[in-house]
Protein backbone atom coordinates (compact mmCIF):
# COMPACT_ATOMS: atom_id res chain seq x y z
CA MET A 1 -1.76 211.90 180.17
CA GLN A 2 1.17 209.47 180.14
CA VAL A 3 2.41 208.47 176.68
CA SER A 4 3.66 204.90 176.15
CA PHE A 5 6.89 204.58 174.22
CA HIS A 6 8.03 201.33 172.65
CA VAL A 7 11.39 201.47 174.47
CA LYS A 8 12.40 201.98 178.10
CA LYS A 9 15.60 202.47 180.06
CA GLY A 10 17.67 199.27 180.05
CA ASP A 11 16.26 197.91 176.76
CA ASN A 12 18.60 196.69 174.03
CA VAL A 13 17.90 198.50 170.76
CA PHE A 14 19.05 198.46 167.13
CA VAL A 15 19.71 201.79 165.35
CA ILE A 16 17.91 201.76 161.98
CA THR A 17 19.09 205.06 160.49
CA GLY A 18 21.69 207.79 160.92
CA LYS A 19 25.44 207.70 161.37
CA GLU A 20 25.19 204.83 163.87
CA LYS A 21 23.01 202.68 161.56
CA GLY A 22 23.30 198.94 162.17
CA LYS A 23 24.73 199.21 165.70
CA THR A 24 23.13 197.98 168.89
CA GLY A 25 23.28 199.24 172.45
CA GLU A 26 21.50 199.63 175.77
CA ILE A 27 19.32 202.65 176.53
CA MET A 28 20.73 204.76 179.37
CA ARG A 29 18.06 207.46 179.48
CA VAL A 30 14.78 208.41 177.75
CA ASP A 31 13.84 212.07 177.26
CA ARG A 32 10.04 211.85 177.16
CA LYS A 33 9.44 215.52 176.34
CA LYS A 34 11.66 215.51 173.25
CA SER A 35 11.07 211.82 172.27
CA ARG A 36 14.78 211.05 172.31
CA VAL A 37 16.94 208.28 173.78
CA PHE A 38 20.57 208.10 174.93
CA ILE A 39 22.29 204.82 174.03
CA LYS A 40 25.42 203.65 175.85
CA GLY A 41 28.51 204.00 173.63
CA LEU A 42 26.69 205.31 170.53
CA ASN A 43 26.40 208.77 168.91
CA LEU A 44 29.41 210.10 170.82
CA ILE A 45 30.20 213.82 170.80
CA LYS A 46 33.03 215.95 172.21
CA LYS A 47 31.99 218.51 174.84
CA HIS A 48 34.37 221.33 175.78
CA THR A 49 33.93 222.21 179.46
CA LYS A 50 35.28 225.14 181.42
CA ALA A 51 37.13 224.49 184.68
CA THR A 52 35.14 225.06 187.87
CA ALA A 53 35.84 224.60 191.55
CA ALA A 54 34.14 221.21 191.43
CA SER A 55 35.75 219.82 188.26
CA ALA A 56 38.69 220.31 185.97
CA GLY A 57 38.05 221.64 182.49
CA GLY A 58 38.86 219.88 179.25
CA ILE A 59 37.29 217.91 176.45
CA GLU A 60 34.94 215.14 177.53
CA THR A 61 33.32 212.54 175.31
CA LYS A 62 29.67 211.76 175.98
CA GLU A 63 26.60 210.27 174.33
CA ALA A 64 24.23 212.50 172.36
CA SER A 65 20.56 211.71 171.91
CA ILE A 66 18.93 209.81 169.04
CA HIS A 67 15.29 210.27 168.10
CA ILE A 68 13.12 207.44 169.36
CA SER A 69 11.78 206.70 165.86
CA ASN A 70 15.31 205.77 164.71
CA VAL A 71 15.64 202.76 167.03
CA MET A 72 13.96 199.35 167.12
CA HIS A 73 13.72 197.01 170.07
CA ILE A 74 15.75 193.78 169.86
CA ASP A 75 13.65 190.63 170.32
CA PRO A 76 15.04 188.79 173.40
CA THR A 77 14.48 185.31 171.93
CA LEU A 78 15.45 185.82 168.25
CA ASN A 79 18.06 188.56 168.85
CA GLN A 80 16.74 190.51 165.84
CA PRO A 81 15.09 193.94 165.55
CA THR A 82 11.33 193.73 166.01
CA ARG A 83 8.30 195.94 166.27
CA ILE A 84 6.49 196.24 169.58
CA GLY A 85 2.84 195.63 170.35
CA PHE A 86 0.89 196.25 173.53
CA LYS A 87 -1.43 193.77 175.23
CA LEU A 88 -3.24 193.42 178.54
CA ASN A 89 -2.16 190.47 180.68
CA ASP A 90 -4.39 188.48 183.06
CA ASP A 91 -4.07 191.09 185.81
CA GLY A 92 -5.19 193.86 183.45
CA LYS A 93 -1.68 195.36 183.30
CA LYS A 94 -0.44 196.68 179.94
CA ILE A 95 2.64 194.78 178.73
CA ARG A 96 4.86 195.01 175.65
CA ILE A 97 4.92 192.14 173.16
CA ALA A 98 7.60 191.45 170.51
CA LYS A 99 5.81 191.12 167.15
CA LYS A 100 8.28 188.61 165.65
CA SER A 101 8.26 186.02 168.43
CA GLY A 102 5.10 186.95 170.35
CA GLU A 103 7.02 186.91 173.63
CA ALA A 104 6.35 189.36 176.45
CA ILE A 105 9.16 191.89 176.90
CA ASP A 106 8.27 193.40 180.27
CA ARG A 107 9.77 191.70 183.26
């Protein structure tokens, strides 16, 4: 069974708790098994890597994951954090709706 999350790759989200609280960013990746998201430029960590034949070693900075419950979708019309609802459109396809403005989010 496929679980529907309130956010998808490419969505703009607002972080509601944690060390990145109050910041916004775009989702790069969603880990469906662990219910976590990776947001571009947020929750940065330092990763020490060993040199290999393919790449040089060193310290690289990359994004760590944030639990999906700690982010809210940003309403495209009001530009504020909003909750998400689900609704069936005329074709019978399930779409996401912003609760604050009532606008459809899916393209």
